[in-house]
Structure formats: structure tokens, C-alpha cells
C-alpha atoms as a PDB file:
ATOM      1  CA  MET A   1     107.960 122.190  79.507  1.00  0.00           C
ATOM      2  CA  LYS A   2     105.484 121.261  76.607  1.00  0.00           C
ATOM      3  CA  ASN A   3     102.442 119.459  77.883  1.00  0.00           C
ATOM      4  CA  SER A   4     102.228 116.259  76.020  1.00  0.00           C
ATOM      5  CA  GLY A   5      98.782 115.721  76.694  1.00  0.00           C
ATOM      6  CA  ASN A   6      99.488 112.682  79.295  1.00  0.00           C
ATOM      7  CA  LYS A   7      97.207 113.784  81.698  1.00  0.00           C
ATOM      8  CA  LYS A   8      98.181 110.628  83.822  1.00  0.00           C
ATOM      9  CA  ARG A   9      99.623 110.729  87.422  1.00  0.00           C
ATOM     10  CA  ASP A  10     103.690 109.473  86.905  1.00  0.00           C
ATOM     11  CA  LYS A  11     104.667 107.623  90.294  1.00  0.00           C
ATOM     12  CA  LYS A  12     108.226 108.693  90.085  1.00  0.00           C
ATOM     13  CA  TRP A  13     106.839 112.482  91.242  1.00  0.00           C
ATOM     14  CA  THR A  14     103.766 111.490  93.283  1.00  0.00           C
ATOM     15  CA  GLU A  15     104.624 108.978  95.139  1.00  0.00           C
ATOM     16  CA  ARG A  16     108.068 110.240  96.258  1.00  0.00           C
ATOM     17  CA  ILE A  17     109.391 112.948  98.565  1.00  0.00           C
ATOM     18  CA  ALA A  18     112.600 114.029  96.039  1.00  0.00           C
ATOM     19  CA  VAL A  19     113.825 112.361  93.201  1.00  0.00           C
ATOM     20  CA  GLY A  20     117.132 113.797  92.192  1.00  0.00           C
ATOM     21  CA  ASP A  21     120.594 113.831  92.947  1.00  0.00           C
ATOM     22  CA  MET A  22     121.862 112.232  95.551  1.00  0.00           C
ATOM     23  CA  ASP A  23     123.349 115.763  97.268  1.00  0.00           C
ATOM     24  CA  PHE A  24     119.772 116.839  96.446  1.00  0.00           C
ATOM     25  CA  VAL A  25     118.044 113.746  98.041  1.00  0.00           C
ATOM     26  CA  ILE A  26     120.269 113.382 101.191  1.00  0.00           C
ATOM     27  CA  ALA A  27     119.936 117.268 101.445  1.00  0.00           C
ATOM     28  CA  THR A  28     116.006 116.908 101.233  1.00  0.00           C
ATOM     29  CA  LYS A  29     115.879 114.293 103.836  1.00  0.00           C
ATOM     30  CA  ALA A  30     118.181 116.230 106.386  1.00  0.00           C
ATOM     31  CA  LYS A  31     115.551 119.039 106.258  1.00  0.00           C
ATOM     32  CA  HIS A  32     112.844 116.606 107.564  1.00  0.00           C
ATOM     33  CA  GLY A  33     114.394 115.897 110.700  1.00  0.00           C
ATOM     34  CA  ALA A  34     113.485 113.348 112.899  1.00  0.00           C
ATOM     35  CA  LYS A  35     110.686 112.631 110.050  1.00  0.00           C
ATOM     36  CA  GLY A  36     113.713 111.421 107.497  1.00  0.00           C
ATOM     37  CA  ILE A  37     114.576 108.701 109.791  1.00  0.00           C
ATOM     38  CA  GLY A  38     112.663 106.079 108.653  1.00  0.00           C
ATOM     39  CA  ARG A  39     112.992 107.261 105.150  1.00  0.00           C
ATOM     40  CA  LYS A  40     115.051 105.323 102.528  1.00  0.00           C
ATOM     41  CA  VAL A  41     117.330 107.176  99.854  1.00  0.00           C
ATOM     42  CA  ILE A  42     117.448 104.553  96.871  1.00  0.00           C
ATOM     43  CA  GLU A  43     119.519 104.453  93.468  1.00  0.00           C
ATOM     44  CA  SER A  44     117.183 103.674  90.069  1.00  0.00           C
ATOM     45  CA  ASN A  45     117.673 104.967  86.607  1.00  0.00           C
ATOM     46  CA  ILE A  46     116.148 108.059  86.837  1.00  0.00           C
ATOM     47  CA  GLY A  47     118.876 108.791  89.573  1.00  0.00           C
ATOM     48  CA  PHE A  48     117.977 109.098  93.463  1.00  0.00           C
ATOM     49  CA  GLU A  49     114.672 108.795  95.522  1.00  0.00           C
ATOM     50  CA  LEU A  50     113.449 109.690  98.882  1.00  0.00           C
ATOM     51  CA  LYS A  51     110.738 107.306  99.666  1.00  0.00           C
ATOM     52  CA  GLU A  52     108.708 106.662 102.954  1.00  0.00           C
ATOM     53  CA  PRO A  53     108.401 103.492 104.320  1.00  0.00           C
ATOM     54  CA  GLN A  54     105.218 101.560 103.179  1.00  0.00           C
ATOM     55  CA  GLU A  55     102.986  99.953 105.702  1.00  0.00           C
ATOM     56  CA  PRO A  56      99.985  97.495 104.900  1.00  0.00           C
ATOM     57  CA  TYR A  57      96.464  99.276 106.128  1.00  0.00           C
ATOM     58  CA  MET A  58      95.561  97.692 109.148  1.00  0.00           C
ATOM     59  CA  PRO A  59      92.669  99.203 111.280  1.00  0.00           C
ATOM     60  CA  VAL A  60      93.767 100.150 114.506  1.00  0.00           C
ATOM     61  CA  PHE A  61      90.909  98.577 116.278  1.00  0.00           C
ATOM     62  CA  ASP A  62      89.436  95.084 115.626  1.00  0.00           C
ATOM     63  CA  PRO A  63      86.043  95.754 113.627  1.00  0.00           C
ATOM     64  CA  LYS A  64      82.914  93.821 114.937  1.00  0.00           C
ATOM     65  CA  LYS A  65      79.826  93.250 113.394  1.00  0.00           C
ATOM     66  CA  GLY A  66      76.025  92.775 115.006  1.00  0.00           C
ATOM     67  CA  PRO A  67      72.564  93.434 114.829  1.00  0.00           C
ATOM     68  CA  LEU A  68      71.554  96.527 115.040  1.00  0.00           C
ATOM     69  CA  SER A  69      69.219  96.651 117.956  1.00  0.00           C
ATOM     70  CA  PRO A  70      66.584  99.657 119.608  1.00  0.00           C
ATOM     71  CA  ASN A  71      68.963 100.621 122.103  1.00  0.00           C
ATOM     72  CA  ASN A  72      70.731 102.544 119.611  1.00  0.00           C
ATOM     73  CA  ALA A  73      67.353 104.391 118.290  1.00  0.00           C
ATOM     74  CA  TYR A  74      65.282 107.496 119.465  1.00  0.00           C
ATOM     75  CA  LEU A  75      61.927 107.339 119.306  1.00  0.00           C
ATOM     76  CA  LEU A  76      60.503 110.298 117.598  1.00  0.00           C
ATOM     77  CA  ASP A  77      57.326 112.176 118.808  1.00  0.00           C
ATOM     78  CA  VAL A  78      55.418 112.969 115.659  1.00  0.00           C
END
């Protein structure tokens, strides 16, 4: 493989679990067992791809902002 000097990340390889022909992608999905259930096999111009479902980032808890209070401080004896 020649080094083209292009050091950019290629999404088709870095954002997919598997890329190739249908048999390869389905076999890869099967090897993932229960983890492969939510993953989609899609056809694209480069063959078939196995992708993970994309979920928006949502915090698990409700972030609360408030003023700092002296109750959170340690008094140092210097």
C-alpha cells in the first residue's frame, strides 16, 4: 500500500465496525453476538457497512449550577 501523504481520518474506516462484501459484514455482525443486535448493515457505494446506532449525547443526570459555598472548603492551619 502506497503512502499518499494524506494523513486525514477516513470516516468509512474509522466510523464503521466492518466494511466489505455482504458475507464479511454479516459474519462480523454474527461474531459480535448480542452486541450486534442493534447494529445496522447498510449498502453504500463502497460495498456494505456495519454501523453502530448513533445516539445524541445526553447527560445521565440533571446538571445543576450553583454558587460555591464555604461548606465545601477545608480550613488550613498555616
